[in-house]
Amino acid sequence: MVIKQKTLANSFIIEGKGLHTGVNVTMNFLPAPENHGFKFKRVDLENHPLIEADADFVIDTSRGTMLEKNGARIGTIEHTLAALVGMDLDNVLIEVNNEEAPIIDGSSKYFVEGIEKAGIVEQNAEREFFEIKEKIQFNDEKSGAEIIALPDDDYRLNVMISFKSKVLNNQFANLQSINNFKEEIANCRTFVFLHEIEYLLNNNLIKGGDIDNAIVIIDKEVNQEELDRLADLFQHERVEVKPQGILNNLDLHFDNECARHKLLDVIGDLALCGKRIKGRIIATKPGHGPNTMFAKVLKKAYKKTIDKAPVYNPEIPPLMDVNRIKELLPHRYPFLMVDKVISITENEIVGIKNVSTNEPFFQGHFPAEPVMPGVLMVEAMAQTGGLLVLNQQEGKFLTYFIRIDNVKFRKKVVPGDTLIFKLTLTSPIRRGIANVKGVTYVGSKVVAEGEFMAQIVKQTEN
């Protein structure tokens, strides 16, 4: 089933104070084009620098996740990103006029409501998933956190938290489908222990904090006088302690709201891996530091899957045999360089060529030591890319390759080798121009690669 990318139908604005800076912040959420991803634009800075939601730009996770690129920063972004992923979006531009997202009530609730009001539209490009194929595990010795990714057919999460507190010791939360984010996770607020609040204030943090920004957990004996002083610090009406050990200024949405909020943070932080995850995440004692480090692990693992050779099983019937290939390509013997196609999607194709000792070019290249000419491997990749493009057209078309870049030959190809061509569209086809990247494998080894630009032309009838 092909799943398309999505963006906002309209823009919307979120305003509020930054939790740590205390400044008023305006975030303007805008529709974005295909393959744009999530990006923050600092409209208060010169030249309006962009900061991509990318784990490689994480610079601080002490009290939220902060990104920095070329000196421009944006912090406390996890609740925003969790809402974007949880509401099934792929491409959004967020204009922000300060270096911290507004905390509002400490959850993703208001971001979700803004997305619902703005609406969501489907785009033409296919969504790319990072489909977890095997166990990926990360352990952080400093915090004791452990995060595991396992294969699954949806994005699901299990989160366990543990604190040395009688009030909040062990809690567990699970999300059986990312589609349930709005109902089960979005309104779950952040939490803080009472003993942390004064420390944060004394260290010039939570300037925009309010008791209503978070669930305040009382994990030690405290008298009413101390609580009154706390309320005065935040210019808040007087509060008391509920029997379950939290302040009485708010009611819990769920008994395990704290664990659910940690799950929300995991979703937001793992968005920084850059791809929609299809798999089950099991996180024990997660935090912004371990979460973002695991996002880097996932990003690296995804890159390996992109570079990995496709699996070729000759017993599986091809999706295109040579007869179908000849319907799409004008090439004929001795210049048809693709024997069959074993995989094809909207953006990617995998083709096969069995290199025989009877290939005519081996007569002269070279008789004593036959080697397939590199230029013919380039031609074979180009033909495979042509099949990807032409298979999407209605009617008779030709592809003329007008530019070839970054061609590299890694290993010689000899009689008996089976070439596996993987060609991927690097951008949507526009105005009859297609850009593709090609990689050629023998087994698991890359033997050639290159980038191609082709013009699609309607074939004239003779």
Protein backbone atom coordinates (compact mmCIF):
# COMPACT_ATOMS: atom_id res chain seq x y z
CA MET A 1 0.00 0.00 0.00
CA VAL A 2 1.44 3.36 -1.09
CA ILE A 3 1.21 6.06 1.60
CA LYS A 4 1.59 9.64 0.43
CA GLN A 5 3.30 12.50 2.24
CA LYS A 6 1.12 15.08 4.03
CA THR A 7 1.31 18.74 4.93
CA LEU A 8 -0.97 21.40 6.41
CA ALA A 9 -3.92 22.66 4.40
CA ASN A 10 -3.59 26.10 6.02
CA SER A 11 -1.28 27.89 8.41
CA PHE A 12 -1.89 28.38 12.13
CA ILE A 13 -0.23 30.26 14.98
CA ILE A 14 0.71 29.21 18.51
CA GLU A 15 1.74 31.85 21.04
CA GLY A 16 3.04 31.60 24.59
CA LYS A 17 6.06 31.91 26.85
CA GLY A 18 9.24 29.93 26.54
CA LEU A 19 9.65 27.72 29.61
CA HIS A 20 13.26 28.63 30.36
CA THR A 21 13.68 32.02 28.65
CA GLY A 22 10.36 33.44 29.79
CA VAL A 23 10.04 35.46 26.58
CA ASN A 24 6.86 35.65 24.52
CA VAL A 25 7.15 33.42 21.46
CA THR A 26 5.06 33.20 18.30
CA MET A 27 5.24 30.07 16.15
CA ASN A 28 3.67 30.17 12.70
CA PHE A 29 3.09 26.70 11.23
CA LEU A 30 3.03 26.72 7.42
CA PRO A 31 2.41 24.17 4.65
CA ALA A 32 5.63 22.92 3.05
CA PRO A 33 6.46 21.16 -0.25
CA GLU A 34 7.13 17.46 -0.71
CA ASN A 35 10.31 16.04 0.85
CA HIS A 36 10.74 19.23 2.91
CA GLY A 37 10.49 17.58 6.32
CA PHE A 38 10.17 19.63 9.51
CA LYS A 39 12.18 22.85 9.60
CA PHE A 40 12.32 25.85 11.93
CA LYS A 41 12.90 29.35 10.54
CA ARG A 42 14.19 32.00 12.93
CA VAL A 43 12.36 35.03 11.52
CA ASP A 44 13.82 37.29 14.26
CA LEU A 45 17.37 36.79 13.00
CA GLU A 46 19.12 38.25 9.99
CA ASN A 47 18.58 36.26 6.77
CA HIS A 48 15.96 34.12 8.55
CA PRO A 49 18.17 31.01 9.02
CA LEU A 50 16.63 27.54 8.74
CA ILE A 51 17.23 24.78 11.30
CA GLU A 52 16.25 21.30 10.16
CA ALA A 53 14.75 18.88 12.71
CA ASP A 54 17.87 16.73 12.62
CA ALA A 55 19.59 14.84 15.42
CA ASP A 56 22.97 16.05 14.15
CA PHE A 57 22.06 19.59 15.26
CA VAL A 58 21.30 18.70 18.91
CA ILE A 59 23.51 20.74 21.24
CA ASP A 60 21.74 20.52 24.61
CA THR A 61 19.28 18.14 26.28
CA SER A 62 19.52 19.24 29.91
CA ARG A 63 15.94 20.56 30.21
CA GLY A 64 14.48 19.91 26.78
CA THR A 65 15.89 19.36 23.31
CA MET A 66 17.77 22.25 21.69
CA LEU A 67 19.05 22.45 18.12
CA GLU A 68 21.68 24.80 16.73
CA LYS A 69 22.81 25.38 13.15
CA ASN A 70 25.30 28.08 12.16
CA GLY A 71 24.71 29.92 15.43
CA ALA A 72 20.90 29.90 15.22
CA ARG A 73 19.11 27.99 17.98
CA ILE A 74 15.66 26.61 18.72
CA GLY A 75 14.84 24.80 21.96
CA THR A 76 12.10 22.86 23.75
CA ILE A 77 10.93 21.47 20.41
CA GLU A 78 9.97 17.96 21.51
CA HIS A 79 6.26 18.68 22.15
CA THR A 80 5.96 20.41 18.78
CA LEU A 81 7.60 17.56 16.86
CA ALA A 82 5.57 14.93 18.72
CA ALA A 83 2.37 16.66 17.59
CA LEU A 84 3.52 16.79 13.96
CA VAL A 85 4.38 13.08 13.92
CA GLY A 86 1.34 12.09 15.96
CA MET A 87 -0.97 13.94 13.56
CA ASP A 88 0.58 12.14 10.56
CA LEU A 89 2.38 15.08 8.94
CA ASP A 90 5.60 14.97 6.90
CA ASN A 91 6.32 18.49 5.68
CA VAL A 92 5.88 21.63 7.79
CA LEU A 93 7.77 24.93 8.01
CA ILE A 94 7.67 26.54 11.46
CA GLU A 95 8.48 30.23 11.66
CA VAL A 96 9.52 31.23 15.17
CA ASN A 97 10.56 34.62 16.54
CA ASN A 98 12.74 33.44 19.43
CA GLU A 99 14.98 30.57 20.43
CA GLU A 100 12.45 28.52 22.39
CA ALA A 101 9.06 27.01 21.62
CA PRO A 102 6.23 28.06 23.95
CA ILE A 103 5.57 25.63 26.80
CA ILE A 104 1.81 26.44 27.13
CA ASP A 105 0.47 23.67 29.43
CA GLY A 106 3.49 21.35 29.06
CA SER A 107 1.88 18.98 26.55
CA SER A 108 1.22 18.71 22.79
CA LYS A 109 -2.50 19.46 23.17
CA TYR A 110 -2.54 22.96 21.70
CA PHE A 111 -0.31 22.02 18.77
CA VAL A 112 -2.66 19.16 17.93
CA GLU A 113 -5.69 21.48 18.12
CA GLY A 114 -3.95 23.94 15.79
CA ILE A 115 -3.22 21.17 13.28
CA GLU A 116 -6.83 20.00 13.38
CA LYS A 117 -8.10 23.52 12.78
CA ALA A 118 -5.66 24.13 9.90
CA GLY A 119 -6.46 20.81 8.22
CA ILE A 120 -4.22 18.25 6.52
CA VAL A 121 -3.73 17.61 2.80
CA GLU A 122 -2.16 14.69 0.98
CA GLN A 123 0.73 15.37 -1.39
CA ASN A 124 1.87 13.49 -4.49
CA ALA A 125 5.18 12.13 -3.23
CA GLU A 126 5.37 8.77 -1.50
CA ARG A 127 6.26 8.73 2.19
CA GLU A 128 9.57 7.07 3.01
CA PHE A 129 9.58 4.87 6.10
CA PHE A 130 12.47 3.61 8.12
CA GLU A 131 11.18 0.07 8.48
CA ILE A 132 12.94 -1.66 11.36
CA LYS A 133 14.10 -5.04 10.03
CA GLU A 134 16.20 -6.19 12.95
CA LYS A 135 16.74 -5.31 16.60
CA ILE A 136 18.52 -2.00 17.23
CA GLN A 137 19.59 -1.39 20.83
CA PHE A 138 21.08 1.57 22.67
CA ASN A 139 22.25 1.78 26.29
CA ASP A 140 23.27 4.94 28.13
CA GLU A 141 25.43 3.98 31.11
CA LYS A 142 25.27 7.46 32.61
CA SER A 143 21.48 7.58 32.97
CA GLY A 144 20.71 3.86 32.93
CA ALA A 145 18.42 4.37 29.93
CA GLU A 146 17.86 1.59 27.42
CA ILE A 147 16.03 2.06 24.12
CA ILE A 148 15.29 -0.76 21.68
CA ALA A 149 13.72 -0.73 18.21
CA LEU A 150 12.09 -3.93 17.00
CA PRO A 151 10.32 -4.90 13.74
CA ASP A 152 6.58 -4.11 13.61
CA ASP A 153 3.95 -3.20 11.03
CA ASP A 154 3.10 0.16 12.68
CA TYR A 155 4.76 2.78 14.87
CA ARG A 156 4.19 1.55 18.43
CA LEU A 157 5.86 2.52 21.69
CA ASN A 158 6.31 1.07 25.18
CA VAL A 159 7.84 3.32 27.84
CA MET A 160 8.86 2.50 31.41
CA ILE A 161 10.01 5.13 33.90
CA SER A 162 11.57 4.68 37.33
CA PHE A 163 12.45 7.26 39.98
CA LYS A 164 13.67 6.99 43.55
CA SER A 165 10.42 8.38 44.83
CA LYS A 166 7.56 6.92 46.87
CA VAL A 167 5.10 8.99 44.86
CA LEU A 168 6.52 8.26 41.40
CA ASN A 169 8.47 5.04 41.45
CA ASN A 170 7.70 2.81 38.44
CA GLN A 171 5.20 3.65 35.70
CA PHE A 172 4.48 2.09 32.32
CA ALA A 173 2.77 3.49 29.23
CA ASN A 174 2.16 2.05 25.79
CA LEU A 175 0.82 3.32 22.48
CA GLN A 176 -0.44 0.52 20.26
CA SER A 177 -0.58 2.73 17.17
CA ILE A 178 0.68 6.22 16.39
CA ASN A 179 -2.84 6.83 15.08
CA ASN A 180 -4.01 6.94 18.72
CA PHE A 181 -1.65 9.77 19.66
CA LYS A 182 -4.31 12.48 19.89
CA GLU A 183 -6.60 10.55 22.26
CA GLU A 184 -4.02 8.78 24.42
CA ILE A 185 -0.86 10.91 24.54
CA ALA A 186 -1.23 14.48 23.24
CA ASN A 187 -2.64 16.11 26.40
CA CYS A 188 -0.21 14.43 28.83
CA ARG A 189 1.80 17.13 30.59
CA THR A 190 5.39 17.28 31.68
CA PHE A 191 6.19 16.78 35.35
CA VAL A 192 8.67 18.10 37.87
CA PHE A 193 9.60 17.24 41.44
CA LEU A 194 9.12 19.96 44.02
CA HIS A 195 12.77 19.86 45.08
CA GLU A 196 13.84 20.64 41.48
CA ILE A 197 11.85 23.86 41.15
CA GLU A 198 13.97 26.13 43.33
CA TYR A 199 17.15 24.72 41.80
CA LEU A 200 15.87 25.57 38.35
CA LEU A 201 14.88 29.08 39.43
CA ASN A 202 18.25 29.67 41.09
CA ASN A 203 20.02 28.57 37.89
CA ASN A 204 18.20 31.11 35.75
CA LEU A 205 15.88 28.52 34.24
CA ILE A 206 12.06 28.20 34.03
CA LYS A 207 11.66 31.98 33.77
CA GLY A 208 8.45 31.24 31.90
CA GLY A 209 7.47 28.53 34.30
CA ASP A 210 4.19 28.31 36.10
CA ILE A 211 2.84 25.66 38.42
CA ASP A 212 0.23 25.02 35.73
CA ASN A 213 2.95 24.22 33.16
CA ALA A 214 3.60 20.87 34.77
CA ILE A 215 2.47 18.20 37.20
CA VAL A 216 4.31 19.09 40.43
CA ILE A 217 5.19 15.96 42.42
CA ILE A 218 5.78 16.24 46.16
CA ASP A 219 8.26 13.53 47.07
CA LYS A 220 9.19 14.74 50.58
CA GLU A 221 7.50 16.21 53.62
CA VAL A 222 6.61 19.86 53.06
CA ASN A 223 4.57 22.22 55.19
CA GLN A 224 1.88 24.60 53.98
CA GLU A 225 4.10 27.61 54.59
CA GLU A 226 6.61 26.27 52.07
CA LEU A 227 3.84 25.62 49.55
CA ASP A 228 2.54 29.16 50.00
CA ARG A 229 6.04 30.50 49.35
CA LEU A 230 6.23 28.37 46.19
CA ALA A 231 2.89 29.71 44.96
CA ASP A 232 4.06 33.27 45.62
CA LEU A 233 7.22 32.68 43.59
CA PHE A 234 5.04 31.86 40.58
CA GLN A 235 2.43 34.51 41.41
CA HIS A 236 -0.09 31.70 41.73
CA GLU A 237 -3.00 31.22 44.08
CA ARG A 238 -2.33 29.08 47.15
CA VAL A 239 -2.04 25.31 46.64
CA GLU A 240 -2.15 22.17 48.72
CA VAL A 241 -0.93 18.60 48.35
CA LYS A 242 -3.35 15.93 47.14
CA PRO A 243 -3.29 12.51 48.82
CA GLN A 244 -1.50 11.00 45.81
CA GLY A 245 1.42 13.41 46.29
CA ILE A 246 0.79 16.09 43.66
CA LEU A 247 -0.34 19.69 43.94
CA ASN A 248 -4.08 20.28 43.86
CA ASN A 249 -3.94 22.92 41.12
CA LEU A 250 -4.78 20.33 38.44
CA ASP A 251 -6.25 16.88 37.91
CA LEU A 252 -4.43 14.04 36.21
CA HIS A 253 -5.73 13.01 32.79
CA PHE A 254 -4.47 9.45 33.37
CA ASP A 255 -3.12 7.62 36.40
CA ASN A 256 0.10 7.09 34.41
CA GLU A 257 0.23 10.56 32.86
CA CYS A 258 3.90 10.97 33.71
CA ALA A 259 4.89 7.83 31.79
CA ARG A 260 2.64 8.89 28.91
CA HIS A 261 4.38 12.25 28.77
CA LYS A 262 7.75 10.52 28.61
CA LEU A 263 6.36 8.53 25.68
CA LEU A 264 5.35 11.84 24.06
CA ASP A 265 8.92 13.08 24.50
CA VAL A 266 10.29 9.92 22.89
CA ILE A 267 8.10 10.48 19.81
CA GLY A 268 9.22 14.11 19.54
CA ASP A 269 12.91 13.37 20.00
CA LEU A 270 12.97 10.38 17.64
CA ALA A 271 11.45 12.59 14.92
CA LEU A 272 14.99 13.94 14.68
CA CYS A 273 16.10 10.74 12.91
CA GLY A 274 14.49 12.31 9.83
CA LYS A 275 12.23 9.45 8.71
CA ARG A 276 8.87 8.08 9.75
CA ILE A 277 9.50 4.99 11.85
CA LYS A 278 7.73 1.69 11.24
CA GLY A 279 8.62 -0.44 14.23
CA ARG A 280 8.16 -0.86 17.98
CA ILE A 281 10.17 1.32 20.35
CA ILE A 282 10.75 0.01 23.89
CA ALA A 283 12.25 2.69 26.13
CA THR A 284 13.31 2.21 29.74
CA LYS A 285 14.15 5.35 31.75
CA PRO A 286 14.18 7.57 28.65
CA GLY A 287 15.25 11.21 28.65
CA HIS A 288 16.07 13.84 26.06
CA GLY A 289 19.76 12.89 26.09
CA PRO A 290 19.29 9.15 25.44
CA ASN A 291 16.36 9.82 23.10
CA THR A 292 18.35 12.11 20.81
CA MET A 293 21.38 9.83 20.91
CA PHE A 294 19.14 6.97 19.81
CA ALA A 295 17.75 9.19 17.05
CA LYS A 296 21.32 9.46 15.74
CA VAL A 297 21.66 5.67 15.93
CA LEU A 298 18.45 5.28 13.92
CA LYS A 299 19.56 7.87 11.36
CA LYS A 300 22.82 5.99 10.84
CA ALA A 301 20.99 2.65 10.61
CA TYR A 302 18.58 4.05 8.03
CA LYS A 303 21.46 5.29 5.90
CA LYS A 304 22.89 1.77 5.92
CA THR A 305 19.58 0.38 4.62
CA ILE A 306 19.70 2.91 1.78
CA ASP A 307 23.22 1.83 0.86
CA LYS A 308 22.49 -1.87 1.30
CA ALA A 309 22.26 -4.05 -1.79
CA PRO A 310 18.75 -5.22 -2.70
CA VAL A 311 18.01 -8.89 -2.08
CA TYR A 312 17.81 -10.84 -5.35
CA ASN A 313 16.08 -14.20 -5.35
CA PRO A 314 16.05 -15.63 -8.91
CA GLU A 315 13.21 -18.00 -7.95
CA ILE A 316 10.75 -15.11 -7.55
CA PRO A 317 9.06 -14.14 -10.85
CA PRO A 318 10.08 -10.69 -12.12
CA LEU A 319 7.72 -7.72 -12.11
CA MET A 320 8.95 -6.90 -15.64
CA ASP A 321 10.37 -9.50 -17.98
CA VAL A 322 12.33 -8.67 -21.12
CA ASN A 323 9.17 -8.46 -23.23
CA ARG A 324 7.67 -5.78 -20.97
CA ILE A 325 11.01 -3.99 -20.91
CA LYS A 326 11.05 -3.89 -24.72
CA GLU A 327 7.59 -2.30 -24.67
CA LEU A 328 8.97 0.61 -22.65
CA LEU A 329 12.53 0.96 -23.98
CA PRO A 330 13.47 1.40 -27.65
CA HIS A 331 16.81 -0.42 -27.17
CA ARG A 332 17.45 -3.78 -28.87
CA TYR A 333 20.34 -6.21 -29.21
CA PRO A 334 23.18 -5.63 -28.64
CA PHE A 335 22.33 -2.54 -26.61
CA LEU A 336 19.51 -3.64 -24.29
CA MET A 337 21.26 -3.83 -20.93
CA VAL A 338 18.46 -4.86 -18.54
CA ASP A 339 17.15 -8.45 -18.40
CA LYS A 340 14.36 -8.01 -15.84
CA VAL A 341 12.94 -5.83 -13.06
CA ILE A 342 12.41 -7.42 -9.63
CA SER A 343 11.10 -4.41 -7.69
CA ILE A 344 9.42 -1.12 -8.57
CA THR A 345 7.70 1.62 -6.57
CA GLU A 346 6.85 5.20 -7.39
CA ASN A 347 10.36 6.33 -6.46
CA GLU A 348 12.62 3.30 -6.84
CA ILE A 349 13.34 0.41 -9.21
CA VAL A 350 15.63 -2.62 -9.04
CA GLY A 351 16.79 -4.22 -12.29
CA ILE A 352 18.96 -7.22 -13.12
CA LYS A 353 21.51 -8.02 -15.81
CA ASN A 354 23.27 -11.35 -16.04
CA VAL A 355 26.68 -10.76 -17.59
CA SER A 356 27.50 -13.62 -19.98
CA THR A 357 30.82 -14.44 -21.58
CA ASN A 358 28.97 -14.18 -24.92
CA GLU A 359 28.48 -10.39 -24.56
CA PRO A 360 29.74 -8.89 -27.85
CA PHE A 361 31.83 -6.22 -26.13
CA PHE A 362 34.06 -8.86 -24.53
CA GLN A 363 35.53 -9.61 -27.97
CA GLY A 364 37.53 -6.41 -27.78
CA HIS A 365 37.40 -5.45 -24.06
CA PHE A 366 39.63 -7.33 -23.43
CA PRO A 367 40.15 -10.67 -25.21
CA ALA A 368 42.73 -11.94 -22.72
CA GLU A 369 41.01 -10.53 -19.63
CA PRO A 370 37.32 -9.71 -20.31
CA VAL A 371 36.05 -6.70 -18.33
CA MET A 372 32.69 -4.97 -18.83
CA PRO A 373 33.27 -1.36 -19.98
CA GLY A 374 32.33 1.20 -17.37
CA VAL A 375 30.44 3.26 -19.91
CA LEU A 376 28.10 0.30 -20.49
CA MET A 377 27.41 0.01 -16.75
CA VAL A 378 26.44 3.69 -16.88
CA GLU A 379 24.17 2.92 -19.85
CA ALA A 380 22.61 -0.01 -17.98
CA MET A 381 21.85 2.22 -14.96
CA ALA A 382 20.40 4.85 -17.28
CA GLN A 383 18.13 2.28 -18.96
CA THR A 384 16.92 1.04 -15.57
CA GLY A 385 16.19 4.62 -14.53
CA GLY A 386 14.35 5.08 -17.80
CA LEU A 387 12.12 2.11 -16.95
CA LEU A 388 11.26 3.71 -13.59
CA VAL A 389 10.20 6.93 -15.29
CA LEU A 390 8.51 5.47 -18.39
CA ASN A 391 6.47 2.99 -16.36
CA GLN A 392 4.64 5.99 -14.85
CA GLN A 393 3.71 7.59 -18.20
CA GLU A 394 0.57 7.00 -20.21
CA GLY A 395 1.36 6.59 -23.90
CA LYS A 396 4.67 6.21 -25.71
CA PHE A 397 7.59 8.24 -24.34
CA LEU A 398 11.37 8.26 -24.55
CA THR A 399 13.97 9.36 -22.01
CA TYR A 400 17.01 11.30 -23.18
CA PHE A 401 19.70 11.58 -20.56
CA ILE A 402 20.99 15.14 -20.60
CA ARG A 403 23.39 15.08 -17.67
CA ILE A 404 25.45 12.54 -15.76
CA ASP A 405 27.34 13.44 -12.55
CA ASN A 406 29.48 11.87 -9.84
CA VAL A 407 30.07 8.58 -11.66
CA LYS A 408 32.39 6.22 -9.79
CA PHE A 409 33.57 2.70 -10.58
CA ARG A 410 34.41 0.66 -7.50
CA LYS A 411 35.12 -2.83 -8.82
CA LYS A 412 35.51 -4.50 -12.20
CA VAL A 413 32.68 -6.59 -13.65
CA VAL A 414 33.53 -9.86 -15.42
CA PRO A 415 31.65 -12.71 -17.13
CA GLY A 416 29.49 -14.63 -14.68
CA ASP A 417 28.60 -11.59 -12.55
CA THR A 418 24.97 -10.67 -11.91
CA LEU A 419 24.46 -6.91 -11.84
CA ILE A 420 21.78 -5.46 -9.55
CA PHE A 421 20.78 -1.91 -10.46
CA LYS A 422 19.01 0.26 -7.87
CA LEU A 423 17.75 3.58 -9.24
CA THR A 424 16.00 6.12 -7.01
CA LEU A 425 14.23 9.37 -7.88
CA THR A 426 15.97 12.14 -5.95
CA SER A 427 13.21 14.70 -6.58
CA PRO A 428 9.68 14.70 -8.02
CA ILE A 429 9.41 14.71 -11.82
CA ARG A 430 8.69 18.29 -12.90
CA ARG A 431 8.28 19.76 -16.38
CA GLY A 432 9.42 16.54 -17.97
CA ILE A 433 12.72 16.41 -16.10
CA ALA A 434 13.65 13.44 -13.90
CA ASN A 435 16.63 13.21 -11.53
CA VAL A 436 17.73 9.77 -10.39
CA LYS A 437 20.59 8.28 -8.43
CA GLY A 438 21.89 4.89 -9.50
CA VAL A 439 23.92 2.25 -7.69
CA THR A 440 25.10 -1.03 -9.22
CA TYR A 441 25.90 -4.05 -7.07
CA VAL A 442 27.43 -7.45 -7.56
CA GLY A 443 26.28 -9.39 -4.52
CA SER A 444 26.62 -6.97 -1.60
CA LYS A 445 29.45 -4.95 -3.18
CA VAL A 446 28.98 -1.63 -4.96
CA VAL A 447 30.66 -1.76 -8.38
CA ALA A 448 29.42 1.53 -9.88
CA GLU A 449 27.27 4.55 -9.04
CA GLY A 450 26.19 7.82 -10.57
CA GLU A 451 23.55 10.57 -10.78
CA PHE A 452 21.45 11.12 -13.87
CA MET A 453 19.18 13.83 -15.26
CA ALA A 454 16.80 12.85 -18.05
CA GLN A 455 14.27 14.62 -20.23
CA ILE A 456 10.99 12.81 -20.92
CA VAL A 457 9.81 13.29 -24.50
CA LYS A 458 6.66 12.01 -26.17
CA GLN A 459 7.54 9.50 -28.87
CA THR A 460 6.59 10.55 -32.39
CA GLU A 461 4.76 7.96 -34.47
CA ASN A 462 6.44 6.80 -37.68
